[in-house]
Amino acid sequence: ELYRGAEYVIDFLPKVKLEIVVQEDILDRCL
């Protein structure tokens, strides 16, 4: 990215991690 004329590298990008516990009978539908 370019910020105030200086170029810099963003190595780590923002993400969201979801954690869900489900019964096996709905696992495929959940995925």
All heavy atoms as atom14 arrays in JSON, in Angstrom:
{
  "sequence": "ELYRGAEYVIDFLPKVKLEIVVQEDILDRCL",
  "atom14_mask": [
    [1, 1, 1, 1, 1, 1, 1, 1, 1, 0, 0, 0, 0, 0],
    [1, 1, 1, 1, 1, 1, 1, 1, 0, 0, 0, 0, 0, 0],
    [1, 1, 1, 1, 1, 1, 1, 1, 1, 1, 1, 1, 0, 0],
    [1, 1, 1, 1, 1, 1, 1, 1, 1, 1, 1, 0, 0, 0],
    [1, 1, 1, 1, 0, 0, 0, 0, 0, 0, 0, 0, 0, 0],
    [1, 1, 1, 1, 1, 0, 0, 0, 0, 0, 0, 0, 0, 0],
    [1, 1, 1, 1, 1, 1, 1, 1, 1, 0, 0, 0, 0, 0],
    [1, 1, 1, 1, 1, 1, 1, 1, 1, 1, 1, 1, 0, 0],
    [1, 1, 1, 1, 1, 1, 1, 0, 0, 0, 0, 0, 0, 0],
    [1, 1, 1, 1, 1, 1, 1, 1, 0, 0, 0, 0, 0, 0],
    [1, 1, 1, 1, 1, 1, 1, 1, 0, 0, 0, 0, 0, 0],
    [1, 1, 1, 1, 1, 1, 1, 1, 1, 1, 1, 0, 0, 0],
    [1, 1, 1, 1, 1, 1, 1, 1, 0, 0, 0, 0, 0, 0],
    [1, 1, 1, 1, 1, 1, 1, 0, 0, 0, 0, 0, 0, 0],
    [1, 1, 1, 1, 1, 1, 1, 1, 1, 0, 0, 0, 0, 0],
    [1, 1, 1, 1, 1, 1, 1, 0, 0, 0, 0, 0, 0, 0],
    [1, 1, 1, 1, 1, 1, 1, 1, 1, 0, 0, 0, 0, 0],
    [1, 1, 1, 1, 1, 1, 1, 1, 0, 0, 0, 0, 0, 0],
    [1, 1, 1, 1, 1, 1, 1, 1, 1, 0, 0, 0, 0, 0],
    [1, 1, 1, 1, 1, 1, 1, 1, 0, 0, 0, 0, 0, 0],
    [1, 1, 1, 1, 1, 1, 1, 0, 0, 0, 0, 0, 0, 0],
    [1, 1, 1, 1, 1, 1, 1, 0, 0, 0, 0, 0, 0, 0],
    [1, 1, 1, 1, 1, 1, 1, 1, 1, 0, 0, 0, 0, 0],
    [1, 1, 1, 1, 1, 1, 1, 1, 1, 0, 0, 0, 0, 0],
    [1, 1, 1, 1, 1, 1, 1, 1, 0, 0, 0, 0, 0, 0],
    [1, 1, 1, 1, 1, 1, 1, 1, 0, 0, 0, 0, 0, 0],
    [1, 1, 1, 1, 1, 1, 1, 1, 0, 0, 0, 0, 0, 0],
    [1, 1, 1, 1, 1, 1, 1, 1, 0, 0, 0, 0, 0, 0],
    [1, 1, 1, 1, 1, 1, 1, 1, 1, 1, 1, 0, 0, 0],
    [1, 1, 1, 1, 1, 1, 0, 0, 0, 0, 0, 0, 0, 0],
    [1, 1, 1, 1, 1, 1, 1, 1, 0, 0, 0, 0, 0, 0]
  ],
  "atom14_positions": [
    [[0.84, -1.19, 0.0], [0.0, 0.0, 0.0], [0.88, 1.24, 0.0], [2.05, 1.2, 0.39], [-0.91, 0.02, 1.22], [-2.05, -0.96, 1.12], [-3.13, -0.74, 2.15], [-3.03, 0.23, 2.93], [-4.07, -1.54, 2.19], [0.0, 0.0, 0.0], [0.0, 0.0, 0.0], [0.0, 0.0, 0.0], [0.0, 0.0, 0.0], [0.0, 0.0, 0.0]],
    [[0.28, 2.34, -0.39], [0.97, 3.62, -0.43], [0.36, 4.53, 0.63], [-0.86, 4.7, 0.67], [0.81, 4.24, -1.83], [1.69, 5.41, -2.17], [3.15, 4.99, -2.18], [1.32, 5.95, -3.55], [0.0, 0.0, 0.0], [0.0, 0.0, 0.0], [0.0, 0.0, 0.0], [0.0, 0.0, 0.0], [0.0, 0.0, 0.0], [0.0, 0.0, 0.0]],
    [[1.18, 5.06, 1.53], [0.69, 5.95, 2.58], [1.61, 7.15, 2.68], [2.8, 7.02, 2.94], [0.62, 5.21, 3.92], [0.14, 6.06, 5.06], [-1.2, 6.44, 5.14], [1.01, 6.49, 6.05], [-1.65, 7.22, 6.18], [0.56, 7.28, 7.09], [-0.77, 7.65, 7.15], [-1.21, 8.43, 8.19], [0.0, 0.0, 0.0], [0.0, 0.0, 0.0]],
    [[1.07, 8.34, 2.42], [1.83, 9.59, 2.45], [3.12, 9.49, 1.63], [4.2, 9.89, 2.07], [2.14, 10.0, 3.88], [0.9, 10.37, 4.66], [1.24, 10.94, 5.99], [0.02, 11.35, 6.66], [-0.01, 11.93, 7.84], [1.11, 12.17, 8.48], [-1.16, 12.27, 8.38], [0.0, 0.0, 0.0], [0.0, 0.0, 0.0], [0.0, 0.0, 0.0]],
    [[2.97, 8.92, 0.46], [4.1, 8.84, -0.46], [5.07, 7.71, -0.21], [5.98, 7.49, -0.99], [0.0, 0.0, 0.0], [0.0, 0.0, 0.0], [0.0, 0.0, 0.0], [0.0, 0.0, 0.0], [0.0, 0.0, 0.0], [0.0, 0.0, 0.0], [0.0, 0.0, 0.0], [0.0, 0.0, 0.0], [0.0, 0.0, 0.0], [0.0, 0.0, 0.0]],
    [[4.88, 6.99, 0.88], [5.78, 5.87, 1.19], [5.06, 4.56, 0.93], [3.89, 4.39, 1.28], [6.24, 5.95, 2.64], [0.0, 0.0, 0.0], [0.0, 0.0, 0.0], [0.0, 0.0, 0.0], [0.0, 0.0, 0.0], [0.0, 0.0, 0.0], [0.0, 0.0, 0.0], [0.0, 0.0, 0.0], [0.0, 0.0, 0.0], [0.0, 0.0, 0.0]],
    [[5.77, 3.63, 0.32], [5.21, 2.31, 0.04], [5.54, 1.39, 1.19], [6.66, 1.4, 1.7], [5.84, 1.78, -1.25], [4.91, 0.98, -2.09], [5.54, 0.56, -3.39], [6.35, -0.37, -3.35], [5.22, 1.17, -4.42], [0.0, 0.0, 0.0], [0.0, 0.0, 0.0], [0.0, 0.0, 0.0], [0.0, 0.0, 0.0], [0.0, 0.0, 0.0]],
    [[4.58, 0.61, 1.64], [4.87, -0.37, 2.68], [4.06, -1.64, 2.43], [3.04, -1.62, 1.78], [4.62, 0.19, 4.08], [3.19, 0.54, 4.4], [2.4, -0.33, 5.11], [2.62, 1.75, 3.98], [1.08, -0.02, 5.41], [1.31, 2.06, 4.26], [0.55, 1.17, 4.98], [-0.75, 1.47, 5.26], [0.0, 0.0, 0.0], [0.0, 0.0, 0.0]],
    [[4.59, -2.74, 2.95], [3.99, -4.05, 2.72], [3.16, -4.45, 3.93], [3.6, -4.33, 5.07], [5.09, -5.11, 2.48], [4.48, -6.5, 2.33], [5.92, -4.75, 1.25], [0.0, 0.0, 0.0], [0.0, 0.0, 0.0], [0.0, 0.0, 0.0], [0.0, 0.0, 0.0], [0.0, 0.0, 0.0], [0.0, 0.0, 0.0], [0.0, 0.0, 0.0]],
    [[1.95, -4.91, 3.66], [1.09, -5.45, 4.7], [1.15, -6.96, 4.56], [0.6, -7.53, 3.62], [-0.36, -4.95, 4.56], [-0.39, -3.43, 4.7], [-1.26, -5.61, 5.59], [-1.75, -2.82, 4.5], [0.0, 0.0, 0.0], [0.0, 0.0, 0.0], [0.0, 0.0, 0.0], [0.0, 0.0, 0.0], [0.0, 0.0, 0.0], [0.0, 0.0, 0.0]],
    [[1.89, -7.61, 5.47], [2.06, -9.06, 5.4], [0.83, -9.8, 5.91], [0.41, -10.79, 5.33], [3.28, -9.51, 6.22], [4.58, -9.06, 5.58], [4.62, -8.93, 4.35], [5.54, -8.82, 6.32], [0.0, 0.0, 0.0], [0.0, 0.0, 0.0], [0.0, 0.0, 0.0], [0.0, 0.0, 0.0], [0.0, 0.0, 0.0], [0.0, 0.0, 0.0]],
    [[0.3, -9.34, 7.03], [-0.84, -10.02, 7.65], [-2.11, -9.23, 7.36], [-2.21, -8.06, 7.7], [-0.63, -10.14, 9.16], [0.46, -11.11, 9.51], [1.76, -10.68, 9.68], [0.18, -12.45, 9.68], [2.77, -11.57, 9.99], [1.17, -13.35, 10.0], [2.48, -12.91, 10.15], [0.0, 0.0, 0.0], [0.0, 0.0, 0.0], [0.0, 0.0, 0.0]],
    [[-3.06, -9.91, 6.75], [-4.32, -9.27, 6.39], [-5.39, -9.58, 7.43], [-5.4, -10.67, 8.01], [-4.77, -9.77, 5.02], [-3.78, -9.48, 3.88], [-4.23, -10.17, 2.61], [-3.65, -7.99, 3.67], [0.0, 0.0, 0.0], [0.0, 0.0, 0.0], [0.0, 0.0, 0.0], [0.0, 0.0, 0.0], [0.0, 0.0, 0.0], [0.0, 0.0, 0.0]],
    [[-6.3, -8.63, 7.67], [-7.36, -8.89, 8.66], [-8.35, -9.95, 8.17], [-8.77, -9.94, 7.01], [-8.05, -7.53, 8.8], [-7.72, -6.79, 7.56], [-6.4, -7.31, 7.07], [0.0, 0.0, 0.0], [0.0, 0.0, 0.0], [0.0, 0.0, 0.0], [0.0, 0.0, 0.0], [0.0, 0.0, 0.0], [0.0, 0.0, 0.0], [0.0, 0.0, 0.0]],
    [[-8.67, -10.87, 9.05], [-9.62, -11.94, 8.78], [-10.49, -12.12, 10.02], [-10.23, -11.56, 11.07], [-8.91, -13.27, 8.49], [-7.93, -13.25, 7.33], [-8.64, -13.17, 6.02], [-7.62, -13.2, 4.88], [-8.23, -13.08, 3.59], [0.0, 0.0, 0.0], [0.0, 0.0, 0.0], [0.0, 0.0, 0.0], [0.0, 0.0, 0.0], [0.0, 0.0, 0.0]],
    [[-11.52, -12.94, 9.9], [-12.36, -13.33, 11.03], [-12.31, -14.84, 11.13], [-12.45, -15.54, 10.13], [-13.81, -12.84, 10.87], [-14.7, -13.43, 11.94], [-13.88, -11.33, 10.9], [0.0, 0.0, 0.0], [0.0, 0.0, 0.0], [0.0, 0.0, 0.0], [0.0, 0.0, 0.0], [0.0, 0.0, 0.0], [0.0, 0.0, 0.0], [0.0, 0.0, 0.0]],
    [[-12.09, -15.33, 12.35], [-12.08, -16.78, 12.58], [-13.36, -17.14, 13.3], [-13.65, -16.64, 14.39], [-10.88, -17.17, 13.43], [-10.82, -18.64, 13.76], [-9.59, -18.92, 14.62], [-9.51, -20.36, 15.02], [-8.34, -20.61, 15.88], [0.0, 0.0, 0.0], [0.0, 0.0, 0.0], [0.0, 0.0, 0.0], [0.0, 0.0, 0.0], [0.0, 0.0, 0.0]],
    [[-14.15, -18.02, 12.69], [-15.38, -18.52, 13.3], [-15.12, -19.9, 13.87], [-14.47, -20.73, 13.22], [-16.5, -18.63, 12.27], [-16.94, -17.34, 11.6], [-18.0, -17.64, 10.56], [-17.47, -16.38, 12.63], [0.0, 0.0, 0.0], [0.0, 0.0, 0.0], [0.0, 0.0, 0.0], [0.0, 0.0, 0.0], [0.0, 0.0, 0.0], [0.0, 0.0, 0.0]],
    [[-15.61, -20.15, 15.07], [-15.53, -21.47, 15.67], [-16.95, -21.92, 15.99], [-17.68, -21.22, 16.68], [-14.68, -21.43, 16.94], [-13.23, -21.07, 16.66], [-12.42, -20.93, 17.92], [-12.37, -19.81, 18.46], [-11.85, -21.94, 18.36], [0.0, 0.0, 0.0], [0.0, 0.0, 0.0], [0.0, 0.0, 0.0], [0.0, 0.0, 0.0], [0.0, 0.0, 0.0]],
    [[-17.32, -23.08, 15.44], [-18.68, -23.58, 15.57], [-18.6, -25.07, 15.9], [-17.84, -25.79, 15.24], [-19.45, -23.41, 14.25], [-19.35, -21.97, 13.75], [-20.9, -23.83, 14.39], [-19.29, -21.85, 12.26], [0.0, 0.0, 0.0], [0.0, 0.0, 0.0], [0.0, 0.0, 0.0], [0.0, 0.0, 0.0], [0.0, 0.0, 0.0], [0.0, 0.0, 0.0]],
    [[-19.36, -25.52, 16.88], [-19.44, -26.95, 17.18], [-20.82, -27.42, 16.74], [-21.83, -26.85, 17.14], [-19.2, -27.22, 18.68], [-19.39, -28.7, 18.99], [-17.8, -26.77, 19.08], [0.0, 0.0, 0.0], [0.0, 0.0, 0.0], [0.0, 0.0, 0.0], [0.0, 0.0, 0.0], [0.0, 0.0, 0.0], [0.0, 0.0, 0.0], [0.0, 0.0, 0.0]],
    [[-20.83, -28.47, 15.9], [-22.09, -28.97, 15.35], [-22.14, -30.5, 15.47], [-21.11, -31.16, 15.59], [-22.28, -28.57, 13.87], [-22.38, -27.08, 13.72], [-21.18, -29.14, 13.0], [0.0, 0.0, 0.0], [0.0, 0.0, 0.0], [0.0, 0.0, 0.0], [0.0, 0.0, 0.0], [0.0, 0.0, 0.0], [0.0, 0.0, 0.0], [0.0, 0.0, 0.0]],
    [[-23.35, -31.03, 15.42], [-23.53, -32.47, 15.35], [-23.14, -32.93, 13.95], [-23.28, -32.19, 12.98], [-24.99, -32.84, 15.63], [-25.43, -32.55, 17.05], [-24.7, -33.42, 18.06], [-24.3, -34.54, 17.78], [-24.51, -32.88, 19.26], [0.0, 0.0, 0.0], [0.0, 0.0, 0.0], [0.0, 0.0, 0.0], [0.0, 0.0, 0.0], [0.0, 0.0, 0.0]],
    [[-22.69, -34.16, 13.84], [-22.23, -34.68, 12.55], [-23.32, -34.72, 11.49], [-23.03, -34.62, 10.3], [-21.59, -36.05, 12.73], [-20.28, -35.95, 13.47], [-19.53, -37.27, 13.53], [-19.54, -38.01, 12.53], [-18.94, -37.54, 14.58], [0.0, 0.0, 0.0], [0.0, 0.0, 0.0], [0.0, 0.0, 0.0], [0.0, 0.0, 0.0], [0.0, 0.0, 0.0]],
    [[-24.59, -34.82, 11.92], [-25.67, -34.9, 10.93], [-25.88, -33.59, 10.16], [-26.46, -33.62, 9.08], [-26.98, -35.37, 11.58], [-27.42, -34.5, 12.74], [-26.6, -33.75, 13.29], [-28.61, -34.59, 13.11], [0.0, 0.0, 0.0], [0.0, 0.0, 0.0], [0.0, 0.0, 0.0], [0.0, 0.0, 0.0], [0.0, 0.0, 0.0], [0.0, 0.0, 0.0]],
    [[-25.43, -32.45, 10.68], [-25.56, -31.2, 9.93], [-24.2, -30.65, 9.47], [-24.14, -29.56, 8.92], [-26.33, -30.12, 10.72], [-25.55, -29.66, 11.94], [-27.72, -30.57, 11.08], [-26.07, -28.36, 12.51], [0.0, 0.0, 0.0], [0.0, 0.0, 0.0], [0.0, 0.0, 0.0], [0.0, 0.0, 0.0], [0.0, 0.0, 0.0], [0.0, 0.0, 0.0]],
    [[-23.14, -31.41, 9.66], [-21.8, -30.94, 9.31], [-21.69, -30.59, 7.83], [-21.24, -29.49, 7.49], [-20.75, -31.99, 9.68], [-19.32, -31.65, 9.25], [-18.83, -30.4, 9.96], [-18.39, -32.82, 9.51], [0.0, 0.0, 0.0], [0.0, 0.0, 0.0], [0.0, 0.0, 0.0], [0.0, 0.0, 0.0], [0.0, 0.0, 0.0], [0.0, 0.0, 0.0]],
    [[-22.09, -31.48, 6.95], [-21.95, -31.22, 5.51], [-22.74, -29.99, 5.08], [-22.25, -29.17, 4.3], [-22.39, -32.44, 4.69], [-21.41, -33.6, 4.82], [-20.21, -33.34, 5.13], [-21.82, -34.75, 4.62], [0.0, 0.0, 0.0], [0.0, 0.0, 0.0], [0.0, 0.0, 0.0], [0.0, 0.0, 0.0], [0.0, 0.0, 0.0], [0.0, 0.0, 0.0]],
    [[-23.94, -29.85, 5.61], [-24.77, -28.66, 5.28], [-24.1, -27.39, 5.82], [-24.09, -26.36, 5.15], [-26.17, -28.84, 5.87], [-27.11, -27.72, 5.52], [-27.49, -27.76, 4.05], [-28.39, -26.66, 3.77], [-28.17, -25.74, 2.84], [-27.13, -25.83, 2.05], [-29.01, -24.76, 2.66], [0.0, 0.0, 0.0], [0.0, 0.0, 0.0], [0.0, 0.0, 0.0]],
    [[-23.54, -27.47, 7.0], [-22.84, -26.33, 7.61], [-21.66, -25.9, 6.74], [-21.48, -24.71, 6.47], [-22.38, -26.72, 9.01], [-21.48, -25.44, 9.88], [0.0, 0.0, 0.0], [0.0, 0.0, 0.0], [0.0, 0.0, 0.0], [0.0, 0.0, 0.0], [0.0, 0.0, 0.0], [0.0, 0.0, 0.0], [0.0, 0.0, 0.0], [0.0, 0.0, 0.0]],
    [[-20.86, -26.85, 6.28], [-19.71, -26.54, 5.43], [-20.15, -25.93, 4.1], [-19.54, -24.97, 3.62], [-18.88, -27.8, 5.19], [-18.28, -28.45, 6.43], [-17.58, -29.75, 6.06], [-17.34, -27.51, 7.15], [0.0, 0.0, 0.0], [0.0, 0.0, 0.0], [0.0, 0.0, 0.0], [0.0, 0.0, 0.0], [0.0, 0.0, 0.0], [0.0, 0.0, 0.0]]
  ]
}
